[in-house]
Structures are given as C-alpha cells and as structure tokens.
Amino acid sequence: MPDHAHYGSTSPVTEAAPLDTDHRTRVVLFTCFLCLVVVAEGYDFGVLNGVIVRMKDDLGISVLEVSMLVTATPLFVMPGSIIGGAAADAWGRRHALMACCSLLILGPVGMALASSVGLLLITRAVVGCGIGMGLVIVSMYIAELAPQDMRGRLTTLEDVFLNLGMLLGYLMNWLLLGIRNDWRWMLGLGSLLPLCVLLVICLPQMPESPRWLVTKGRNEEARQILTTFVGKEEADRDMQAMLAELKTEEEFVTWHQVLCSWHDGKIRRMLLAGVVVGVAQVGCGYLPIAYYSSTVLKSTMSEQAAFMATTVMGIVKLTMALVTLAVLEKVGRRPMLLASASICGLSCVWLAHAFASDVGGFGQALGFAVFMAGFSLGLGPITFVYISEVFATRWRGKAMAFTLFTSRIVGCTSTMLFPLLIVRIGISTCFWLMALANVLLVGLIYTFVFETHGRSLETMQELFASPKADLRCP
C-alpha cells in the first residue's frame, strides 16, 4: 500500500524570490481579465437554475425535457474540453481563448431567440462546448503565467469568478422575474462579458503563454513575457527547466499517447490523481444542486422565496471561495479537498433528513448553503488548481481535457438522473445517495491524490516518479 506520510506536506521544493509590487499587480490584473470568461460560464450555471422554472411554466415542457436541456451543457463540456485542449496546443492559449469566447457569445444569444426545445438543445450544446474549452484554457493559461508562490491563489481566483458569475445569474433570476420574456433576457445577457473579453484579447498586446512559446522555439519572446509576470530570477530558472525538458521531449503528446499511457507508472499516477479530483468535483452532487435548487425548494416555498434562497446560497458559496483563496497556500491542496468532500457528505445527510422530516424551507435552504460552503472550501476552487499544475507541459493540454471529459461523464449522469429520480424514489433518497457518493470520494482522494503545493510545474514529474508514489494494488 502507498505511504501517505508525505502526501499532505506543504513544504516548498524551491524558494521563489519575492516579487516586486509591479510584477504582482500585473499578474493579478491579467488573471482577473482571463477570469471574466469564467464569470460568463458561472453566469450560465446560475441563471439556468431559475430559467428552468420559468421556461417550464412558459413552454409547458416535461420533466424529461428539462433533464435533457440541463444535461446538454455538461454533456457538451466533454467534447468542448477535448477541443479546448487540442486547440490550445495547436493554436496557442490566446487564439484558443478567442474561439471559446465566440461560442460563449453565440450560445446565449441563440438560447434567448430559440422558439422550440430542439433549438434550445442545440444552443445549450454550443454553450457547453464553450464552457468546456474555457475550463481547460483559462486554468492552463493562468498556471503557465503565474509565479510559483502565487500559482495556487491565482488559479483559485478562477473559482472565485465562477462563483461571482453564478451569483450574478441567481440575482438576474430574482431581479428579472415577472417581466415579459423574463427567461429569455436572463439567458441573453450572458453574452455580454464574453464579447468584451473577445474584443480585448484580439489586441496584439495580449501575451501568449510562455510555456507554449517555448515548445514552438520562440524562446526569447517566452523569456520576455515570463520576466514581465514572474521577474527575472524565476524566469531564468523556469526557462532553464523548460529547455532541459524539451531536449528529450520536444513535441506535445498525441491523443494516442494519452489514452495508451496507463503502462507508464509516473503518467498513470498523474492521470489518476487528476481524474479523481476532477470526478470528485462533480460526483459530490454539485451540479444537481447548482441547477435544481430552485426547482426543489419551490415544492416547499413560493417561487420568489426559492429564488431568494438560491441567491443566499450563491452569496455563501462566493464568501467561502474567498476564504479558500486566503488560506490555500498555508494549508495545501490535499487536506482541503478531503475536508471539502467530508462537509459535502454531511450536508447531504442533513438534506436527506430535512426533506424526509419536513423541517421547513429554512432548514432545507440551510442545507444547500452548507453544501455550497463545503464545496467552495476545496472541490470547487482547488480542482482548477490541481489539474492545471499536476501535469507536465507537453501533457497539460490534452491531459486536462481528458480529465474534464471523464469527470463530465459523471456530471452528465447526475444532472440527467436527478429530476427523474426525485419523481421515482423521492428527494430524501436522492440525497442519501449523494452522501454515499461523498464517502467514496473521500476514500479516493485519500488514496490517490498527492500534495502539489510548493512545486514548480517542471518538477511535478519528480513527485509522481517517486517509488513512494506507486499506487498499484499489491
């Protein structure tokens, strides 16, 4: 069995020189700009929570059609993540992000204008592809530009902005409720931020990822960009490590190499760790709660009260994401992932009891808020951090895409089955199943996930090459 003593260590392997204020300000501002794409993704998650309530009343669609419309997005996140990983390797992170923004503009506009369930499904698929591309590209982009001592917090900003987008979506549900064509306006407004990002990122001054530039032989350009964001000392050290790595591994890996890499112990352990974290993010029950909380709460309270309770849930989620941002570099990745899955499991136990005992709308809303607080403690923000830093540069794009593709299989299954299972077995039993899933996830994280805090991106392979990291069953 593997030795877990070193798994939670947060002592850094290399000490980074302190950055001056200019470098820190520059990298934080650029990260916040990239994360505007994530706000648009979060807005779609949040706004759909109320849209499906209003759309169901307006169009008279069935429970099965609601399941299909909600599932279309996570379903097409899977091919979107594959396309995003491949496009980021082939075109560069910047140009791939342009394509992502284009989809995130077309999708919401198409949804707002759709006149049938069929057209809604098609446009939901477009949004799903855009979200899948964004999840891969933005995480990768940030990780490859960030200074080592800030990488965790900067990548965690992605989840903070995702939560901000979700909260905006919940607020739009509440504020626009009752106006003419309310659900169409709720959806269409989601295209504004991606349009702004696309206009700015088309400017020639926007920097490309230095790690991608090195793989294309544009070393001096990469050095200049890296120096701009991390300072000369760290830039020189990272450039030396990247060039040494490329002497033996010059090309980005192919999909065949990713899919046939299980025999290589080091790569297998990397993929297994990444996939466990990615699956845990959606397997804990997050997507059904994010999409259906208003629908579930509407059974015990008014529509407006359900929307308000969901908005409060979004505020709690955003607040906890900010707390995670503050403590992440002190605690490390693995302990917070374990704590997060444990709290999600306990909140599911409470929700199962709350709906079985009819404790009232307040107790049920409290359960949802605690679940989102636990989720934002680790599984939400740290997933983006972990899967963007655990893979070597030449593996990162396609391995992240593979991880997200795998995790979204679980996500699609949960979003499709949740409303159907509520009808068949009841809300309380559904939450007992979620609680059981979280127990399993705690065990998987404890067994397979290694601490990556304090390591440069170029030293991750050393961690997973260690004999102590051999995770094969005896």
Protein backbone atom coordinates (compact mmCIF):
# COMPACT_ATOMS: atom_id res chain seq x y z
CA MET A 1 0.00 0.00 0.00
CA PRO A 2 1.23 3.56 -0.60
CA ASP A 3 2.92 5.54 2.12
CA HIS A 4 0.65 8.51 2.89
CA ALA A 5 3.01 10.26 5.32
CA HIS A 6 4.31 12.67 2.68
CA TYR A 7 1.01 13.31 0.95
CA GLY A 8 -0.03 16.33 2.95
CA SER A 9 3.35 18.05 3.04
CA THR A 10 3.25 21.69 2.03
CA SER A 11 6.94 22.50 2.37
CA PRO A 12 8.15 24.06 -0.86
CA VAL A 13 10.71 22.29 -3.02
CA THR A 14 12.18 25.55 -4.29
CA GLU A 15 12.02 29.01 -2.78
CA ALA A 16 10.90 31.72 -5.17
CA ALA A 17 12.39 35.19 -4.88
CA PRO A 18 9.91 37.80 -3.65
CA LEU A 19 8.17 39.65 -6.46
CA ASP A 20 8.01 43.43 -6.55
CA THR A 21 4.67 45.21 -6.48
CA ASP A 22 4.65 45.84 -10.23
CA HIS A 23 5.00 42.14 -11.06
CA ARG A 24 2.31 41.13 -8.58
CA THR A 25 -0.11 43.80 -9.78
CA ARG A 26 0.45 42.87 -13.42
CA VAL A 27 -0.10 39.14 -12.95
CA VAL A 28 -3.17 39.64 -10.73
CA LEU A 29 -4.79 42.04 -13.20
CA PHE A 30 -4.15 39.74 -16.15
CA THR A 31 -5.53 36.76 -14.20
CA CYS A 32 -8.67 38.75 -13.34
CA PHE A 33 -9.09 39.62 -17.02
CA LEU A 34 -8.86 35.96 -18.06
CA CYS A 35 -11.33 35.06 -15.34
CA LEU A 36 -14.01 37.25 -16.91
CA VAL A 37 -14.53 34.28 -19.24
CA VAL A 38 -15.21 32.20 -16.15
CA VAL A 39 -17.76 34.75 -14.93
CA ALA A 40 -19.69 34.08 -18.14
CA GLU A 41 -19.51 30.32 -17.51
CA GLY A 42 -20.69 30.75 -13.92
CA TYR A 43 -23.49 33.04 -15.06
CA ASP A 44 -24.83 30.27 -17.29
CA PHE A 45 -24.75 27.78 -14.39
CA GLY A 46 -26.51 30.20 -12.07
CA VAL A 47 -29.09 31.69 -14.39
CA LEU A 48 -30.29 28.30 -15.61
CA ASN A 49 -31.32 27.48 -12.04
CA GLY A 50 -34.21 29.93 -12.33
CA VAL A 51 -34.64 29.77 -16.10
CA ILE A 52 -35.76 26.13 -15.99
CA VAL A 53 -38.52 27.08 -13.53
CA ARG A 54 -39.78 29.91 -15.75
CA MET A 55 -39.19 28.05 -19.02
CA LYS A 56 -41.09 25.04 -17.75
CA ASP A 57 -44.10 27.22 -16.92
CA ASP A 58 -43.88 29.24 -20.15
CA LEU A 59 -43.28 26.45 -22.67
CA GLY A 60 -45.02 23.63 -20.77
CA ILE A 61 -42.09 21.26 -21.14
CA SER A 62 -41.91 17.89 -19.38
CA VAL A 63 -39.55 16.73 -16.63
CA LEU A 64 -37.65 14.65 -19.20
CA GLU A 65 -37.21 17.67 -21.48
CA VAL A 66 -35.97 19.73 -18.53
CA SER A 67 -33.41 16.99 -17.80
CA MET A 68 -32.29 16.99 -21.42
CA LEU A 69 -31.90 20.78 -21.56
CA VAL A 70 -29.90 20.89 -18.34
CA THR A 71 -27.76 17.88 -19.28
CA ALA A 72 -26.95 19.26 -22.75
CA THR A 73 -24.41 21.69 -21.27
CA PRO A 74 -22.30 19.27 -19.15
CA LEU A 75 -22.63 16.71 -21.96
CA PHE A 76 -21.05 19.07 -24.48
CA VAL A 77 -18.48 20.26 -21.96
CA MET A 78 -16.84 16.90 -22.73
CA PRO A 79 -16.14 17.48 -26.45
CA GLY A 80 -15.53 21.16 -25.62
CA SER A 81 -12.73 20.23 -23.22
CA ILE A 82 -11.19 17.93 -25.82
CA ILE A 83 -11.38 20.67 -28.47
CA GLY A 84 -10.02 23.22 -25.99
CA GLY A 85 -7.00 21.09 -25.07
CA ALA A 86 -6.17 20.34 -28.69
CA ALA A 87 -6.75 23.95 -29.83
CA ALA A 88 -4.58 25.33 -27.02
CA ASP A 89 -1.71 23.08 -28.13
CA ALA A 90 -2.15 23.75 -31.84
CA TRP A 91 -3.08 27.47 -31.93
CA GLY A 92 -1.77 28.71 -28.60
CA ARG A 93 -3.68 29.61 -25.45
CA ARG A 94 -4.63 33.10 -26.68
CA HIS A 95 -6.17 32.11 -30.01
CA ALA A 96 -7.95 29.14 -28.45
CA LEU A 97 -9.49 31.54 -25.92
CA MET A 98 -10.79 33.65 -28.82
CA ALA A 99 -12.65 30.63 -30.17
CA CYS A 100 -14.02 29.90 -26.69
CA CYS A 101 -15.38 33.44 -26.33
CA SER A 102 -17.03 33.22 -29.74
CA LEU A 103 -19.02 30.17 -28.63
CA LEU A 104 -19.95 31.83 -25.33
CA ILE A 105 -21.36 34.78 -27.30
CA LEU A 106 -23.31 32.75 -29.86
CA GLY A 107 -24.80 30.30 -27.34
CA PRO A 108 -26.66 32.71 -25.02
CA VAL A 109 -27.93 34.81 -27.95
CA GLY A 110 -29.20 31.65 -29.64
CA MET A 111 -30.90 30.46 -26.44
CA ALA A 112 -32.64 33.80 -25.97
CA LEU A 113 -34.03 33.64 -29.52
CA ALA A 114 -34.91 29.92 -29.56
CA SER A 115 -38.53 29.11 -30.31
CA SER A 116 -38.52 25.35 -29.62
CA VAL A 117 -36.99 22.76 -27.34
CA GLY A 118 -34.90 21.47 -30.27
CA LEU A 119 -33.28 24.87 -30.85
CA LEU A 120 -32.72 25.27 -27.12
CA LEU A 121 -30.89 21.93 -27.05
CA ILE A 122 -28.65 22.99 -29.94
CA THR A 123 -27.75 26.32 -28.35
CA ARG A 124 -27.23 24.68 -24.94
CA ALA A 125 -24.75 22.39 -26.70
CA VAL A 126 -22.90 25.42 -28.11
CA VAL A 127 -22.63 26.91 -24.62
CA GLY A 128 -21.42 23.56 -23.27
CA CYS A 129 -18.61 23.44 -25.84
CA GLY A 130 -17.61 26.99 -24.93
CA ILE A 131 -17.58 26.21 -21.21
CA GLY A 132 -15.53 23.05 -21.78
CA MET A 133 -12.96 24.99 -23.77
CA GLY A 134 -12.85 27.74 -21.16
CA LEU A 135 -12.35 25.38 -18.22
CA VAL A 136 -9.24 23.94 -19.88
CA ILE A 137 -7.77 27.04 -21.49
CA VAL A 138 -8.18 29.57 -18.66
CA SER A 139 -6.77 27.20 -16.00
CA MET A 140 -3.83 26.35 -18.23
CA TYR A 141 -3.20 29.97 -19.22
CA ILE A 142 -3.14 31.17 -15.60
CA ALA A 143 -0.94 28.33 -14.33
CA GLU A 144 1.63 28.85 -17.10
CA LEU A 145 1.96 32.60 -16.44
CA ALA A 146 1.72 32.63 -12.65
CA PRO A 147 4.70 32.94 -10.28
CA GLN A 148 5.28 29.75 -8.33
CA ASP A 149 4.41 31.26 -4.93
CA MET A 150 1.16 32.76 -6.28
CA ARG A 151 0.05 29.96 -8.63
CA GLY A 152 -2.41 28.35 -6.23
CA ARG A 153 -4.12 31.58 -5.26
CA LEU A 154 -4.23 32.90 -8.82
CA THR A 155 -5.75 29.71 -10.18
CA THR A 156 -8.19 29.72 -7.26
CA LEU A 157 -9.36 33.12 -8.50
CA GLU A 158 -10.95 31.16 -11.34
CA ASP A 159 -13.40 29.62 -8.90
CA VAL A 160 -13.99 32.97 -7.17
CA PHE A 161 -15.02 34.45 -10.51
CA LEU A 162 -17.08 31.36 -11.33
CA ASN A 163 -18.95 31.89 -8.06
CA LEU A 164 -19.34 35.57 -8.87
CA GLY A 165 -20.87 34.59 -12.22
CA MET A 166 -23.23 32.12 -10.55
CA LEU A 167 -24.30 34.77 -8.05
CA LEU A 168 -24.96 37.20 -10.90
CA GLY A 169 -27.09 34.52 -12.56
CA TYR A 170 -29.08 33.96 -9.35
CA LEU A 171 -29.56 37.72 -8.96
CA MET A 172 -30.78 38.06 -12.54
CA ASN A 173 -33.31 35.29 -11.86
CA TRP A 174 -34.62 37.26 -8.90
CA LEU A 175 -34.47 40.77 -10.44
CA LEU A 176 -35.94 39.90 -13.85
CA LEU A 177 -38.62 37.56 -12.53
CA GLY A 178 -42.02 38.59 -13.88
CA ILE A 179 -41.02 40.88 -16.75
CA ARG A 180 -42.11 39.95 -20.27
CA ASN A 181 -39.93 37.16 -21.73
CA ASP A 182 -38.01 37.12 -18.43
CA TRP A 183 -36.16 33.84 -19.04
CA ARG A 184 -35.03 34.97 -22.50
CA TRP A 185 -33.49 38.14 -21.06
CA MET A 186 -31.88 36.11 -18.30
CA LEU A 187 -30.13 33.91 -20.87
CA GLY A 188 -29.27 36.57 -23.46
CA LEU A 189 -27.41 38.81 -21.00
CA GLY A 190 -24.83 36.04 -20.64
CA SER A 191 -23.24 37.04 -23.97
CA LEU A 192 -22.04 40.49 -22.84
CA LEU A 193 -18.90 39.57 -20.88
CA PRO A 194 -17.50 37.11 -23.48
CA LEU A 195 -17.97 39.84 -26.11
CA CYS A 196 -15.92 42.29 -24.04
CA VAL A 197 -13.17 39.72 -23.45
CA LEU A 198 -13.04 38.81 -27.15
CA LEU A 199 -12.61 42.46 -28.17
CA VAL A 200 -9.71 42.93 -25.75
CA ILE A 201 -7.94 39.64 -26.36
CA CYS A 202 -7.81 40.37 -30.10
CA LEU A 203 -5.44 43.26 -29.38
CA PRO A 204 -1.84 42.45 -30.41
CA GLN A 205 -0.53 43.49 -26.96
CA MET A 206 -2.12 40.46 -25.30
CA PRO A 207 0.61 37.99 -24.22
CA GLU A 208 0.75 34.33 -25.19
CA SER A 209 1.66 31.61 -22.69
CA PRO A 210 5.47 31.45 -22.41
CA ARG A 211 5.38 27.67 -21.96
CA TRP A 212 3.58 27.30 -25.30
CA LEU A 213 6.03 29.69 -26.98
CA VAL A 214 9.00 27.60 -25.81
CA THR A 215 7.52 24.49 -27.44
CA LYS A 216 7.41 26.46 -30.71
CA GLY A 217 11.03 27.58 -30.44
CA ARG A 218 10.15 31.22 -29.65
CA ASN A 219 12.42 31.27 -26.60
CA GLU A 220 13.32 34.95 -26.44
CA GLU A 221 9.67 36.01 -26.68
CA ALA A 222 8.81 33.50 -23.96
CA ARG A 223 11.58 34.81 -21.72
CA GLN A 224 10.39 38.41 -22.08
CA ILE A 225 6.78 37.54 -21.24
CA LEU A 226 7.79 35.33 -18.32
CA THR A 227 10.06 38.05 -16.93
CA THR A 228 7.19 40.54 -17.16
CA PHE A 229 4.99 38.37 -14.95
CA VAL A 230 7.34 36.50 -12.58
CA GLY A 231 10.56 38.51 -12.50
CA LYS A 232 13.99 37.79 -13.98
CA GLU A 233 15.25 35.28 -11.41
CA GLU A 234 12.26 32.94 -11.59
CA ALA A 235 12.00 33.44 -15.36
CA ASP A 236 15.61 32.35 -15.85
CA ARG A 237 15.13 29.31 -13.65
CA ASP A 238 11.88 28.29 -15.39
CA MET A 239 13.35 28.81 -18.85
CA GLN A 240 16.30 26.59 -17.95
CA ALA A 241 13.95 23.87 -16.71
CA MET A 242 11.68 24.12 -19.76
CA LEU A 243 14.56 23.96 -22.23
CA ALA A 244 16.08 20.98 -20.39
CA GLU A 245 12.73 19.19 -20.56
CA LEU A 246 12.37 19.89 -24.27
CA LYS A 247 15.76 18.34 -25.06
CA THR A 248 14.24 14.92 -24.52
CA GLU A 249 10.54 15.68 -25.11
CA GLU A 250 10.13 18.11 -27.98
CA GLU A 251 6.52 17.62 -29.08
CA PHE A 252 3.15 17.85 -27.42
CA VAL A 253 1.79 14.38 -26.73
CA THR A 254 -0.80 12.87 -29.04
CA TRP A 255 -4.20 11.56 -28.00
CA HIS A 256 -2.87 8.05 -28.63
CA GLN A 257 -0.14 8.64 -26.05
CA VAL A 258 -2.66 9.93 -23.51
CA LEU A 259 -5.04 7.01 -23.98
CA CYS A 260 -2.26 4.40 -24.02
CA SER A 261 -0.20 5.83 -21.15
CA TRP A 262 -1.51 3.53 -18.40
CA HIS A 263 1.55 1.28 -18.54
CA ASP A 264 3.82 4.22 -17.57
CA GLY A 265 3.66 4.39 -13.76
CA LYS A 266 4.54 8.08 -13.50
CA ILE A 267 2.00 9.22 -16.08
CA ARG A 268 -0.61 6.79 -14.75
CA ARG A 269 -0.30 8.29 -11.28
CA MET A 270 -0.59 11.82 -12.66
CA LEU A 271 -3.70 10.97 -14.67
CA LEU A 272 -5.25 9.03 -11.81
CA ALA A 273 -4.73 11.90 -9.36
CA GLY A 274 -6.13 14.42 -11.85
CA VAL A 275 -9.14 12.28 -12.75
CA VAL A 276 -10.01 11.60 -9.08
CA VAL A 277 -10.02 15.32 -8.30
CA GLY A 278 -11.99 16.14 -11.47
CA VAL A 279 -14.58 13.43 -10.81
CA ALA A 280 -14.88 14.46 -7.16
CA GLN A 281 -15.81 18.00 -8.20
CA VAL A 282 -18.98 16.81 -9.96
CA GLY A 283 -19.51 13.46 -8.22
CA CYS A 284 -20.21 15.15 -4.88
CA GLY A 285 -23.62 16.30 -6.17
CA TYR A 286 -22.66 19.86 -7.04
CA LEU A 287 -24.24 20.09 -10.49
CA PRO A 288 -27.73 18.84 -9.49
CA ILE A 289 -27.79 21.29 -6.57
CA ALA A 290 -26.45 24.17 -8.69
CA TYR A 291 -29.05 23.57 -11.39
CA TYR A 292 -32.10 22.33 -9.48
CA SER A 293 -32.09 24.01 -6.05
CA SER A 294 -34.82 26.49 -7.01
CA THR A 295 -36.90 23.71 -8.55
CA VAL A 296 -36.58 21.58 -5.39
CA LEU A 297 -37.21 24.45 -2.98
CA LYS A 298 -40.25 25.58 -4.96
CA SER A 299 -42.02 22.45 -3.66
CA THR A 300 -41.94 23.86 -0.10
CA MET A 301 -41.96 27.66 -0.63
CA SER A 302 -43.01 30.33 -3.11
CA GLU A 303 -41.15 30.84 -6.37
CA GLN A 304 -39.71 34.20 -5.29
CA ALA A 305 -38.65 32.79 -1.90
CA ALA A 306 -36.96 29.86 -3.66
CA PHE A 307 -35.04 32.26 -5.91
CA MET A 308 -34.03 34.32 -2.87
CA ALA A 309 -32.83 31.22 -1.00
CA THR A 310 -30.76 30.22 -4.02
CA THR A 311 -29.26 33.72 -4.15
CA VAL A 312 -28.27 33.43 -0.48
CA MET A 313 -26.70 30.06 -1.33
CA GLY A 314 -24.66 31.83 -4.02
CA ILE A 315 -23.51 34.51 -1.57
CA VAL A 316 -22.35 31.83 0.90
CA LYS A 317 -20.54 29.99 -1.89
CA LEU A 318 -18.71 33.13 -3.03
CA THR A 319 -17.76 34.07 0.53
CA MET A 320 -16.27 30.65 1.22
CA ALA A 321 -14.34 30.77 -2.08
CA LEU A 322 -12.71 33.99 -0.85
CA VAL A 323 -11.82 32.28 2.44
CA THR A 324 -10.24 29.43 0.49
CA LEU A 325 -8.26 31.94 -1.55
CA ALA A 326 -6.82 33.37 1.68
CA VAL A 327 -5.76 30.08 3.30
CA LEU A 328 -4.91 27.82 0.34
CA GLU A 329 -1.16 28.41 0.30
CA LYS A 330 -0.95 27.83 4.06
CA VAL A 331 -2.92 24.59 4.21
CA GLY A 332 -2.22 22.90 0.87
CA ARG A 333 -4.39 21.15 -1.71
CA ARG A 334 -4.99 17.67 -0.32
CA PRO A 335 -6.23 18.49 3.22
CA MET A 336 -8.74 20.99 1.84
CA LEU A 337 -10.04 18.54 -0.74
CA LEU A 338 -10.61 15.95 2.00
CA ALA A 339 -12.36 18.48 4.25
CA SER A 340 -14.49 19.71 1.36
CA ALA A 341 -15.77 16.26 0.38
CA SER A 342 -16.49 15.45 4.03
CA ILE A 343 -18.60 18.60 4.55
CA CYS A 344 -20.49 17.97 1.31
CA GLY A 345 -21.28 14.46 2.50
CA LEU A 346 -22.50 15.65 5.91
CA SER A 347 -24.69 18.35 4.35
CA CYS A 348 -26.27 15.72 2.07
CA VAL A 349 -27.12 13.69 5.19
CA TRP A 350 -28.81 16.77 6.65
CA LEU A 351 -30.72 17.45 3.40
CA ALA A 352 -31.91 13.84 3.30
CA HIS A 353 -33.20 14.23 6.86
CA ALA A 354 -34.65 17.70 6.17
CA PHE A 355 -36.76 16.56 3.25
CA ALA A 356 -37.83 13.34 4.96
CA SER A 357 -38.86 15.10 8.19
CA ASP A 358 -40.32 18.21 6.56
CA VAL A 359 -38.31 20.62 8.72
CA GLY A 360 -39.42 23.52 6.55
CA GLY A 361 -37.98 25.68 3.82
CA PHE A 362 -35.43 27.40 6.08
CA GLY A 363 -33.82 24.13 7.17
CA GLN A 364 -33.69 22.89 3.59
CA ALA A 365 -32.17 26.16 2.33
CA LEU A 366 -29.62 25.96 5.16
CA GLY A 367 -28.59 22.51 3.97
CA PHE A 368 -28.00 23.80 0.44
CA ALA A 369 -25.95 26.73 1.78
CA VAL A 370 -23.75 24.45 3.92
CA PHE A 371 -23.21 22.13 0.95
CA MET A 372 -22.04 25.04 -1.22
CA ALA A 373 -19.80 26.32 1.58
CA GLY A 374 -18.16 22.90 1.84
CA PHE A 375 -17.85 22.64 -1.93
CA SER A 376 -16.13 26.03 -2.15
CA LEU A 377 -13.71 25.02 0.59
CA GLY A 378 -11.90 22.67 -1.79
CA LEU A 379 -13.64 20.73 -4.53
CA GLY A 380 -14.73 23.90 -6.31
CA PRO A 381 -11.60 26.10 -6.39
CA ILE A 382 -8.82 23.56 -5.88
CA THR A 383 -9.88 21.32 -8.75
CA PHE A 384 -8.84 24.05 -11.18
CA VAL A 385 -5.54 24.50 -9.34
CA TYR A 386 -4.74 20.82 -9.11
CA ILE A 387 -5.45 19.67 -12.65
CA SER A 388 -3.64 22.66 -14.14
CA GLU A 389 -0.43 22.03 -12.20
CA VAL A 390 -0.23 18.26 -11.84
CA PHE A 391 0.68 17.54 -15.49
CA ALA A 392 3.94 18.25 -17.35
CA THR A 393 3.82 21.00 -20.01
CA ARG A 394 3.72 18.70 -23.03
CA TRP A 395 0.93 16.66 -21.36
CA ARG A 396 -1.03 19.52 -19.79
CA GLY A 397 -3.47 20.47 -22.57
CA LYS A 398 -4.65 17.00 -23.55
CA ALA A 399 -4.40 15.51 -20.04
CA MET A 400 -6.56 18.30 -18.61
CA ALA A 401 -9.03 17.75 -21.44
CA PHE A 402 -9.09 14.00 -20.72
CA THR A 403 -9.64 14.70 -17.01
CA LEU A 404 -12.54 17.07 -17.65
CA PHE A 405 -14.04 14.73 -20.25
CA THR A 406 -14.01 11.88 -17.75
CA SER A 407 -15.42 13.96 -14.91
CA ARG A 408 -18.24 15.32 -17.04
CA ILE A 409 -19.47 11.81 -17.75
CA VAL A 410 -20.31 11.71 -14.05
CA GLY A 411 -21.69 15.25 -14.24
CA CYS A 412 -23.99 14.46 -17.16
CA THR A 413 -25.29 11.33 -15.46
CA SER A 414 -26.10 13.20 -12.25
CA THR A 415 -27.86 16.14 -13.94
CA MET A 416 -29.87 13.85 -16.20
CA LEU A 417 -30.97 11.43 -13.49
CA PHE A 418 -31.58 13.79 -10.55
CA PRO A 419 -35.04 15.17 -11.55
CA LEU A 420 -36.12 11.75 -12.82
CA LEU A 421 -35.02 10.07 -9.57
CA ILE A 422 -36.86 12.68 -7.50
CA VAL A 423 -40.06 11.58 -9.20
CA ARG A 424 -39.22 7.87 -8.86
CA ILE A 425 -37.58 7.47 -5.42
CA GLY A 426 -38.08 10.83 -3.69
CA ILE A 427 -35.86 13.79 -2.77
CA SER A 428 -34.66 12.35 0.54
CA THR A 429 -33.36 9.12 -1.02
CA CYS A 430 -31.55 11.12 -3.70
CA PHE A 431 -29.60 12.99 -1.02
CA TRP A 432 -28.77 9.74 0.81
CA LEU A 433 -27.22 8.53 -2.45
CA MET A 434 -25.21 11.76 -2.70
CA ALA A 435 -23.97 11.28 0.86
CA LEU A 436 -22.78 7.77 -0.01
CA ALA A 437 -21.01 9.09 -3.09
CA ASN A 438 -19.12 11.62 -0.96
CA VAL A 439 -17.94 8.87 1.42
CA LEU A 440 -16.49 7.05 -1.59
CA LEU A 441 -14.84 10.25 -2.86
CA VAL A 442 -13.14 10.90 0.49
CA GLY A 443 -11.57 7.44 0.24
CA LEU A 444 -10.40 8.01 -3.35
CA ILE A 445 -8.86 11.40 -2.56
CA TYR A 446 -7.07 9.99 0.50
CA THR A 447 -5.63 7.14 -1.54
CA PHE A 448 -4.67 8.69 -4.87
CA VAL A 449 -4.22 12.46 -4.52
CA PHE A 450 -0.74 13.80 -3.73
CA GLU A 451 0.16 17.24 -2.39
CA THR A 452 1.48 19.52 -5.16
CA HIS A 453 1.83 22.73 -3.18
CA GLY A 454 5.21 24.47 -3.37
CA ARG A 455 6.48 22.74 -6.52
CA SER A 456 7.29 24.32 -9.84
CA LEU A 457 5.39 22.98 -12.85
CA GLU A 458 8.59 21.43 -14.18
CA THR A 459 9.18 19.32 -11.02
CA MET A 460 5.77 17.61 -10.86
CA GLN A 461 7.11 14.58 -12.74
CA GLU A 462 9.68 14.03 -9.97
CA LEU A 463 6.90 13.78 -7.37
CA PHE A 464 4.98 11.15 -9.31
CA ALA A 465 8.14 9.28 -10.30
CA SER A 466 8.94 8.59 -6.64
CA PRO A 467 8.74 4.92 -5.59
CA LYS A 468 6.68 6.05 -2.58
CA ALA A 469 4.05 7.30 -5.03
CA ASP A 470 3.46 3.87 -6.57
CA LEU A 471 -0.29 3.37 -6.28
CA ARG A 472 -0.61 -0.07 -7.81
CA CYS A 473 -2.52 -2.55 -5.73
CA PRO A 474 -0.30 -5.19 -4.05
